[in-house]
Structures are given as structure tokens and as C-alpha cells.
Amino acid sequence: MSSPALETYLAKLYMDDALRAAFLLDPRAHALQHGLSPEEAEAMAAMDRVGLQMAAASYRAKRSAHGSKARPAQPWWRRLLQAWR
């Protein structure tokens, strides 16, 4: 049950604090608004919210640790989406 839409949405949740905060208020409705299927939205609503926050913090720390290095013009998930098209 891993569609490109689900994977993209999850990557955005890891990277975007505002999006993640909105998701945590009403996970199922937010997932449906972002194009996930009802089954995917249910799975997202049942996910470990503490784990989501911890993973996002971990990715943020990794990004800041590499802050002195040159960054690509686009986030990795956007480049990945372009490669799939």
C-alpha cells in the first residue's frame, strides 16, 4: 500500500512543520484533502504521531548538520518526483 502520492505526502510531512501541524489536528481529513485514497488516509490517521515528530526532528537535524555544504536548488523529494514523470 505504498503509492507515489502517499510517499510524496509523507516526505512533505517530514519536511514541512506547518503541514505536519495541520495534519496532526485532523489526519484523515488532511490526508484526503491531499489526494490520498480513503484506505491510505485511514492508514495515515493510525500512524504513530510521536514517531512522525521524532523522524521529522531527526531529518531536520541531519539537514542542519549539512548546512555548510552547497544544497541543491530543489528539495530531494521534488527532484525525485521529477524523475518519476
PDB file of N, CA and C in Angstrom:
ATOM      1  N   MET A   1       0.832  -1.185   0.000  1.00  0.00           N
ATOM      2  CA  MET A   1       0.000   0.000   0.000  1.00  0.00           C
ATOM      3  C   MET A   1       0.874   1.245   0.000  1.00  0.00           C
ATOM      4  N   SER A   2       1.788   1.331  -0.922  1.00  0.00           N
ATOM      5  CA  SER A   2       2.683   2.478  -0.964  1.00  0.00           C
ATOM      6  C   SER A   2       2.609   3.128  -2.338  1.00  0.00           C
ATOM      7  N   SER A   3       1.684   4.031  -2.488  1.00  0.00           N
ATOM      8  CA  SER A   3       1.531   4.732  -3.755  1.00  0.00           C
ATOM      9  C   SER A   3       2.480   5.929  -3.796  1.00  0.00           C
ATOM     10  N   PRO A   4       2.787   6.421  -4.991  1.00  0.00           N
ATOM     11  CA  PRO A   4       3.608   7.631  -5.089  1.00  0.00           C
ATOM     12  C   PRO A   4       2.989   8.814  -4.336  1.00  0.00           C
ATOM     13  N   ALA A   5       1.665   8.930  -4.364  1.00  0.00           N
ATOM     14  CA  ALA A   5       1.005  10.034  -3.653  1.00  0.00           C
ATOM     15  C   ALA A   5       1.235   9.923  -2.145  1.00  0.00           C
ATOM     16  N   LEU A   6       1.153   8.723  -1.617  1.00  0.00           N
ATOM     17  CA  LEU A   6       1.378   8.501  -0.191  1.00  0.00           C
ATOM     18  C   LEU A   6       2.821   8.810   0.179  1.00  0.00           C
ATOM     19  N   GLU A   7       3.751   8.323  -0.598  1.00  0.00           N
ATOM     20  CA  GLU A   7       5.162   8.555  -0.310  1.00  0.00           C
ATOM     21  C   GLU A   7       5.509  10.036  -0.394  1.00  0.00           C
ATOM     22  N   THR A   8       4.964  10.720  -1.372  1.00  0.00           N
ATOM     23  CA  THR A   8       5.201  12.160  -1.522  1.00  0.00           C
ATOM     24  C   THR A   8       4.636  12.925  -0.337  1.00  0.00           C
ATOM     25  N   TYR A   9       3.417  12.570   0.044  1.00  0.00           N
ATOM     26  CA  TYR A   9       2.768  13.235   1.172  1.00  0.00           C
ATOM     27  C   TYR A   9       3.555  13.008   2.461  1.00  0.00           C
ATOM     28  N   LEU A  10       4.014  11.813   2.684  1.00  0.00           N
ATOM     29  CA  LEU A  10       4.779  11.503   3.879  1.00  0.00           C
ATOM     30  C   LEU A  10       6.094  12.296   3.898  1.00  0.00           C
ATOM     31  N   ALA A  11       6.761  12.378   2.757  1.00  0.00           N
ATOM     32  CA  ALA A  11       8.000  13.166   2.678  1.00  0.00           C
ATOM     33  C   ALA A  11       7.728  14.629   3.011  1.00  0.00           C
ATOM     34  N   LYS A  12       6.622  15.158   2.520  1.00  0.00           N
ATOM     35  CA  LYS A  12       6.265  16.545   2.825  1.00  0.00           C
ATOM     36  C   LYS A  12       5.983  16.719   4.311  1.00  0.00           C
ATOM     37  N   LEU A  13       5.342  15.735   4.928  1.00  0.00           N
ATOM     38  CA  LEU A  13       5.072  15.817   6.365  1.00  0.00           C
ATOM     39  C   LEU A  13       6.368  15.852   7.170  1.00  0.00           C
ATOM     40  N   TYR A  14       7.369  15.107   6.731  1.00  0.00           N
ATOM     41  CA  TYR A  14       8.651  15.120   7.420  1.00  0.00           C
ATOM     42  C   TYR A  14       9.337  16.476   7.307  1.00  0.00           C
ATOM     43  N   MET A  15       9.146  17.135   6.176  1.00  0.00           N
ATOM     44  CA  MET A  15       9.910  18.343   5.883  1.00  0.00           C
ATOM     45  C   MET A  15       9.219  19.648   6.273  1.00  0.00           C
ATOM     46  N   ASP A  16       7.917  19.666   6.311  1.00  0.00           N
ATOM     47  CA  ASP A  16       7.163  20.912   6.464  1.00  0.00           C
ATOM     48  C   ASP A  16       6.449  20.949   7.818  1.00  0.00           C
ATOM     49  N   ASP A  17       6.946  21.800   8.721  1.00  0.00           N
ATOM     50  CA  ASP A  17       6.382  21.876  10.077  1.00  0.00           C
ATOM     51  C   ASP A  17       4.913  22.303  10.066  1.00  0.00           C
ATOM     52  N   ALA A  18       4.562  23.280   9.239  1.00  0.00           N
ATOM     53  CA  ALA A  18       3.177  23.776   9.194  1.00  0.00           C
ATOM     54  C   ALA A  18       2.238  22.700   8.646  1.00  0.00           C
ATOM     55  N   LEU A  19       2.667  22.012   7.611  1.00  0.00           N
ATOM     56  CA  LEU A  19       1.850  20.939   7.044  1.00  0.00           C
ATOM     57  C   LEU A  19       1.646  19.826   8.066  1.00  0.00           C
ATOM     58  N   ARG A  20       2.713  19.488   8.777  1.00  0.00           N
ATOM     59  CA  ARG A  20       2.633  18.430   9.786  1.00  0.00           C
ATOM     60  C   ARG A  20       1.698  18.842  10.923  1.00  0.00           C
ATOM     61  N   ALA A  21       1.764  20.084  11.351  1.00  0.00           N
ATOM     62  CA  ALA A  21       0.883  20.570  12.421  1.00  0.00           C
ATOM     63  C   ALA A  21      -0.582  20.489  11.998  1.00  0.00           C
ATOM     64  N   ALA A  22      -0.871  20.871  10.763  1.00  0.00           N
ATOM     65  CA  ALA A  22      -2.242  20.787  10.258  1.00  0.00           C
ATOM     66  C   ALA A  22      -2.693  19.337  10.163  1.00  0.00           C
ATOM     67  N   PHE A  23      -1.808  18.467   9.712  1.00  0.00           N
ATOM     68  CA  PHE A  23      -2.117  17.042   9.620  1.00  0.00           C
ATOM     69  C   PHE A  23      -2.471  16.471  10.989  1.00  0.00           C
ATOM     70  N   LEU A  24      -1.698  16.834  12.000  1.00  0.00           N
ATOM     71  CA  LEU A  24      -1.904  16.269  13.334  1.00  0.00           C
ATOM     72  C   LEU A  24      -3.234  16.690  13.954  1.00  0.00           C
ATOM     73  N   LEU A  25      -3.812  17.791  13.500  1.00  0.00           N
ATOM     74  CA  LEU A  25      -5.113  18.220  14.011  1.00  0.00           C
ATOM     75  C   LEU A  25      -6.246  17.315  13.529  1.00  0.00           C
ATOM     76  N   ASP A  26      -6.172  16.877  12.276  1.00  0.00           N
ATOM     77  CA  ASP A  26      -7.203  16.006  11.701  1.00  0.00           C
ATOM     78  C   ASP A  26      -6.573  15.170  10.595  1.00  0.00           C
ATOM     79  N   PRO A  27      -5.837  14.120  10.964  1.00  0.00           N
ATOM     80  CA  PRO A  27      -5.044  13.367   9.994  1.00  0.00           C
ATOM     81  C   PRO A  27      -5.834  12.819   8.802  1.00  0.00           C
ATOM     82  N   ARG A  28      -6.954  12.194   9.067  1.00  0.00           N
ATOM     83  CA  ARG A  28      -7.713  11.571   7.970  1.00  0.00           C
ATOM     84  C   ARG A  28      -8.191  12.615   6.972  1.00  0.00           C
ATOM     85  N   ALA A  29      -8.815  13.679   7.455  1.00  0.00           N
ATOM     86  CA  ALA A  29      -9.338  14.720   6.562  1.00  0.00           C
ATOM     87  C   ALA A  29      -8.206  15.391   5.793  1.00  0.00           C
ATOM     88  N   HIS A  30      -7.107  15.648   6.468  1.00  0.00           N
ATOM     89  CA  HIS A  30      -5.981  16.313   5.806  1.00  0.00           C
ATOM     90  C   HIS A  30      -5.391  15.424   4.717  1.00  0.00           C
ATOM     91  N   ALA A  31      -5.259  14.138   5.000  1.00  0.00           N
ATOM     92  CA  ALA A  31      -4.727  13.205   4.002  1.00  0.00           C
ATOM     93  C   ALA A  31      -5.653  13.120   2.786  1.00  0.00           C
ATOM     94  N   LEU A  32      -6.952  13.085   3.021  1.00  0.00           N
ATOM     95  CA  LEU A  32      -7.908  13.048   1.900  1.00  0.00           C
ATOM     96  C   LEU A  32      -7.825  14.326   1.069  1.00  0.00           C
ATOM     97  N   GLN A  33      -7.645  15.463   1.728  1.00  0.00           N
ATOM     98  CA  GLN A  33      -7.524  16.739   1.007  1.00  0.00           C
ATOM     99  C   GLN A  33      -6.287  16.771   0.122  1.00  0.00           C
ATOM    100  N   HIS A  34      -5.306  15.976   0.454  1.00  0.00           N
ATOM    101  CA  HIS A  34      -4.067  15.954  -0.321  1.00  0.00           C
ATOM    102  C   HIS A  34      -4.006  14.782  -1.298  1.00  0.00           C
ATOM    103  N   GLY A  35      -5.160  14.220  -1.621  1.00  0.00           N
ATOM    104  CA  GLY A  35      -5.239  13.260  -2.711  1.00  0.00           C
ATOM    105  C   GLY A  35      -5.002  11.806  -2.362  1.00  0.00           C
ATOM    106  N   LEU A  36      -4.937  11.468  -1.102  1.00  0.00           N
ATOM    107  CA  LEU A  36      -4.764  10.073  -0.750  1.00  0.00           C
ATOM    108  C   LEU A  36      -6.101   9.351  -0.816  1.00  0.00           C
ATOM    109  N   SER A  37      -6.042   8.067  -1.036  1.00  0.00           N
ATOM    110  CA  SER A  37      -7.255   7.257  -1.083  1.00  0.00           C
ATOM    111  C   SER A  37      -7.820   7.123   0.334  1.00  0.00           C
ATOM    112  N   PRO A  38      -9.089   6.739   0.459  1.00  0.00           N
ATOM    113  CA  PRO A  38      -9.648   6.539   1.804  1.00  0.00           C
ATOM    114  C   PRO A  38      -8.851   5.523   2.635  1.00  0.00           C
ATOM    115  N   GLU A  39      -8.362   4.465   1.998  1.00  0.00           N
ATOM    116  CA  GLU A  39      -7.567   3.463   2.725  1.00  0.00           C
ATOM    117  C   GLU A  39      -6.238   4.056   3.191  1.00  0.00           C
ATOM    118  N   GLU A  40      -5.596   4.834   2.320  1.00  0.00           N
ATOM    119  CA  GLU A  40      -4.334   5.470   2.698  1.00  0.00           C
ATOM    120  C   GLU A  40      -4.559   6.494   3.800  1.00  0.00           C
ATOM    121  N   ALA A  41      -5.656   7.236   3.707  1.00  0.00           N
ATOM    122  CA  ALA A  41      -5.974   8.229   4.733  1.00  0.00           C
ATOM    123  C   ALA A  41      -6.191   7.554   6.087  1.00  0.00           C
ATOM    124  N   GLU A  42      -6.850   6.401   6.086  1.00  0.00           N
ATOM    125  CA  GLU A  42      -7.044   5.653   7.339  1.00  0.00           C
ATOM    126  C   GLU A  42      -5.707   5.203   7.905  1.00  0.00           C
ATOM    127  N   ALA A  43      -4.827   4.724   7.047  1.00  0.00           N
ATOM    128  CA  ALA A  43      -3.506   4.285   7.497  1.00  0.00           C
ATOM    129  C   ALA A  43      -2.716   5.467   8.065  1.00  0.00           C
ATOM    130  N   MET A  44      -2.802   6.616   7.427  1.00  0.00           N
ATOM    131  CA  MET A  44      -2.110   7.801   7.922  1.00  0.00           C
ATOM    132  C   MET A  44      -2.682   8.233   9.278  1.00  0.00           C
ATOM    133  N   ALA A  45      -3.992   8.146   9.431  1.00  0.00           N
ATOM    134  CA  ALA A  45      -4.622   8.532  10.695  1.00  0.00           C
ATOM    135  C   ALA A  45      -4.196   7.609  11.836  1.00  0.00           C
ATOM    136  N   ALA A  46      -3.859   6.365  11.516  1.00  0.00           N
ATOM    137  CA  ALA A  46      -3.466   5.393  12.531  1.00  0.00           C
ATOM    138  C   ALA A  46      -1.964   5.391  12.809  1.00  0.00           C
ATOM    139  N   MET A  47      -1.216   6.202  12.094  1.00  0.00           N
ATOM    140  CA  MET A  47       0.240   6.163  12.241  1.00  0.00           C
ATOM    141  C   MET A  47       0.684   6.681  13.607  1.00  0.00           C
ATOM    142  N   ASP A  48       1.868   6.341  13.982  1.00  0.00           N
ATOM    143  CA  ASP A  48       2.477   6.754  15.241  1.00  0.00           C
ATOM    144  C   ASP A  48       2.847   8.231  15.148  1.00  0.00           C
ATOM    145  N   ARG A  49       2.115   9.076  15.826  1.00  0.00           N
ATOM    146  CA  ARG A  49       2.323  10.527  15.741  1.00  0.00           C
ATOM    147  C   ARG A  49       3.619  10.958  16.409  1.00  0.00           C
ATOM    148  N   VAL A  50       3.959  10.322  17.513  1.00  0.00           N
ATOM    149  CA  VAL A  50       5.226  10.637  18.177  1.00  0.00           C
ATOM    150  C   VAL A  50       6.385  10.249  17.260  1.00  0.00           C
ATOM    151  N   GLY A  51       6.268   9.109  16.609  1.00  0.00           N
ATOM    152  CA  GLY A  51       7.295   8.675  15.663  1.00  0.00           C
ATOM    153  C   GLY A  51       7.443   9.637  14.496  1.00  0.00           C
ATOM    154  N   LEU A  52       6.327  10.166  14.019  1.00  0.00           N
ATOM    155  CA  LEU A  52       6.367  11.151  12.939  1.00  0.00           C
ATOM    156  C   LEU A  52       7.148  12.385  13.379  1.00  0.00           C
ATOM    157  N   GLN A  53       6.859  12.876  14.577  1.00  0.00           N
ATOM    158  CA  GLN A  53       7.552  14.059  15.097  1.00  0.00           C
ATOM    159  C   GLN A  53       9.045  13.772  15.299  1.00  0.00           C
ATOM    160  N   MET A  54       9.352  12.584  15.807  1.00  0.00           N
ATOM    161  CA  MET A  54      10.757  12.230  16.027  1.00  0.00           C
ATOM    162  C   MET A  54      11.518  12.107  14.706  1.00  0.00           C
ATOM    163  N   ALA A  55      10.889  11.505  13.714  1.00  0.00           N
ATOM    164  CA  ALA A  55      11.537  11.368  12.407  1.00  0.00           C
ATOM    165  C   ALA A  55      11.764  12.745  11.785  1.00  0.00           C
ATOM    166  N   ALA A  56      10.774  13.624  11.885  1.00  0.00           N
ATOM    167  CA  ALA A  56      10.919  14.974  11.330  1.00  0.00           C
ATOM    168  C   ALA A  56      12.067  15.713  12.020  1.00  0.00           C
ATOM    169  N   ALA A  57      12.162  15.584  13.329  1.00  0.00           N
ATOM    170  CA  ALA A  57      13.251  16.234  14.064  1.00  0.00           C
ATOM    171  C   ALA A  57      14.604  15.665  13.656  1.00  0.00           C
ATOM    172  N   SER A  58      14.658  14.367  13.450  1.00  0.00           N
ATOM    173  CA  SER A  58      15.899  13.730  13.027  1.00  0.00           C
ATOM    174  C   SER A  58      16.330  14.230  11.649  1.00  0.00           C
ATOM    175  N   TYR A  59      15.384  14.304  10.707  1.00  0.00           N
ATOM    176  CA  TYR A  59      15.710  14.793   9.366  1.00  0.00           C
ATOM    177  C   TYR A  59      16.130  16.258   9.408  1.00  0.00           C
ATOM    178  N   ARG A  60      15.472  17.054  10.267  1.00  0.00           N
ATOM    179  CA  ARG A  60      15.831  18.470  10.414  1.00  0.00           C
ATOM    180  C   ARG A  60      17.273  18.587  10.923  1.00  0.00           C
ATOM    181  N   ALA A  61      17.638  17.772  11.906  1.00  0.00           N
ATOM    182  CA  ALA A  61      18.993  17.796  12.451  1.00  0.00           C
ATOM    183  C   ALA A  61      20.013  17.397  11.393  1.00  0.00           C
ATOM    184  N   LYS A  62      19.679  16.400  10.603  1.00  0.00           N
ATOM    185  CA  LYS A  62      20.594  15.980   9.536  1.00  0.00           C
ATOM    186  C   LYS A  62      20.770  17.081   8.502  1.00  0.00           C
ATOM    187  N   ARG A  63      19.664  17.753   8.163  1.00  0.00           N
ATOM    188  CA  ARG A  63      19.761  18.852   7.190  1.00  0.00           C
ATOM    189  C   ARG A  63      20.614  19.987   7.740  1.00  0.00           C
ATOM    190  N   SER A  64      20.433  20.328   9.009  1.00  0.00           N
ATOM    191  CA  SER A  64      21.197  21.436   9.577  1.00  0.00           C
ATOM    192  C   SER A  64      22.670  21.055   9.742  1.00  0.00           C
ATOM    193  N   ALA A  65      22.963  19.794   9.975  1.00  0.00           N
ATOM    194  CA  ALA A  65      24.348  19.344  10.080  1.00  0.00           C
ATOM    195  C   ALA A  65      25.078  19.482   8.752  1.00  0.00           C
ATOM    196  N   HIS A  66      24.337  19.415   7.675  1.00  0.00           N
ATOM    197  CA  HIS A  66      24.916  19.546   6.341  1.00  0.00           C
ATOM    198  C   HIS A  66      24.711  20.953   5.785  1.00  0.00           C
ATOM    199  N   GLY A  67      24.341  21.884   6.634  1.00  0.00           N
ATOM    200  CA  GLY A  67      24.011  23.243   6.210  1.00  0.00           C
ATOM    201  C   GLY A  67      25.162  23.994   5.571  1.00  0.00           C
ATOM    202  N   SER A  68      26.390  23.672   5.927  1.00  0.00           N
ATOM    203  CA  SER A  68      27.514  24.398   5.356  1.00  0.00           C
ATOM    204  C   SER A  68      27.843  23.949   3.944  1.00  0.00           C
ATOM    205  N   LYS A  69      27.338  22.810   3.547  1.00  0.00           N
ATOM    206  CA  LYS A  69      27.578  22.309   2.198  1.00  0.00           C
ATOM    207  C   LYS A  69      26.592  22.936   1.231  1.00  0.00           C
ATOM    208  N   ALA A  70      26.971  22.985  -0.022  1.00  0.00           N
ATOM    209  CA  ALA A  70      26.071  23.524  -1.042  1.00  0.00           C
ATOM    210  C   ALA A  70      24.844  22.633  -1.154  1.00  0.00           C
ATOM    211  N   ARG A  71      23.674  23.251  -1.210  1.00  0.00           N
ATOM    212  CA  ARG A  71      22.421  22.492  -1.316  1.00  0.00           C
ATOM    213  C   ARG A  71      21.889  22.565  -2.741  1.00  0.00           C
ATOM    214  N   PRO A  72      21.205  21.521  -3.151  1.00  0.00           N
ATOM    215  CA  PRO A  72      20.559  21.571  -4.461  1.00  0.00           C
ATOM    216  C   PRO A  72      19.495  22.670  -4.477  1.00  0.00           C
ATOM    217  N   ALA A  73      19.171  23.145  -5.649  1.00  0.00           N
ATOM    218  CA  ALA A  73      18.179  24.202  -5.793  1.00  0.00           C
ATOM    219  C   ALA A  73      16.793  23.732  -5.371  1.00  0.00           C
ATOM    220  N   GLN A  74      16.528  22.447  -5.462  1.00  0.00           N
ATOM    221  CA  GLN A  74      15.213  21.902  -5.125  1.00  0.00           C
ATOM    222  C   GLN A  74      15.359  20.846  -4.042  1.00  0.00           C
ATOM    223  N   PRO A  75      14.308  20.682  -3.225  1.00  0.00           N
ATOM    224  CA  PRO A  75      14.352  19.611  -2.229  1.00  0.00           C
ATOM    225  C   PRO A  75      14.449  18.238  -2.907  1.00  0.00           C
ATOM    226  N   TRP A  76      14.984  17.282  -2.166  1.00  0.00           N
ATOM    227  CA  TRP A  76      15.193  15.942  -2.740  1.00  0.00           C
ATOM    228  C   TRP A  76      13.900  15.321  -3.216  1.00  0.00           C
ATOM    229  N   TRP A  77      12.795  15.536  -2.486  1.00  0.00           N
ATOM    230  CA  TRP A  77      11.538  14.894  -2.872  1.00  0.00           C
ATOM    231  C   TRP A  77      10.991  15.482  -4.164  1.00  0.00           C
ATOM    232  N   ARG A  78      11.269  16.764  -4.427  1.00  0.00           N
ATOM    233  CA  ARG A  78      10.813  17.365  -5.680  1.00  0.00           C
ATOM    234  C   ARG A  78      11.625  16.818  -6.862  1.00  0.00           C
ATOM    235  N   ARG A  79      12.942  16.657  -6.659  1.00  0.00           N
ATOM    236  CA  ARG A  79      13.769  16.072  -7.723  1.00  0.00           C
ATOM    237  C   ARG A  79      13.338  14.639  -7.995  1.00  0.00           C
ATOM    238  N   LEU A  80      12.987  13.907  -6.937  1.00  0.00           N
ATOM    239  CA  LEU A  80      12.522  12.533  -7.086  1.00  0.00           C
ATOM    240  C   LEU A  80      11.234  12.486  -7.885  1.00  0.00           C
ATOM    241  N   LEU A  81      10.314  13.378  -7.590  1.00  0.00           N
ATOM    242  CA  LEU A  81       9.047  13.429  -8.346  1.00  0.00           C
ATOM    243  C   LEU A  81       9.290  13.725  -9.814  1.00  0.00           C
ATOM    244  N   GLN A  82      10.209  14.627 -10.094  1.00  0.00           N
ATOM    245  CA  GLN A  82      10.505  14.962 -11.488  1.00  0.00           C
ATOM    246  C   GLN A  82      11.105  13.765 -12.231  1.00  0.00           C
ATOM    247  N   ALA A  83      11.893  12.981 -11.507  1.00  0.00           N
ATOM    248  CA  ALA A  83      12.487  11.794 -12.131  1.00  0.00           C
ATOM    249  C   ALA A  83      11.429  10.764 -12.461  1.00  0.00           C
ATOM    250  N   TRP A  84      10.335  10.698 -11.688  1.00  0.00           N
ATOM    251  CA  TRP A  84       9.270   9.730 -11.923  1.00  0.00           C
ATOM    252  C   TRP A  84       8.393  10.120 -13.094  1.00  0.00           C
ATOM    253  N   ARG A  85       8.385  11.358 -13.450  1.00  0.00           N
ATOM    254  CA  ARG A  85       7.493  11.824 -14.529  1.00  0.00           C
ATOM    255  C   ARG A  85       8.058  11.564 -15.878  1.00  0.00           C
TER     256      ARG A  85
END
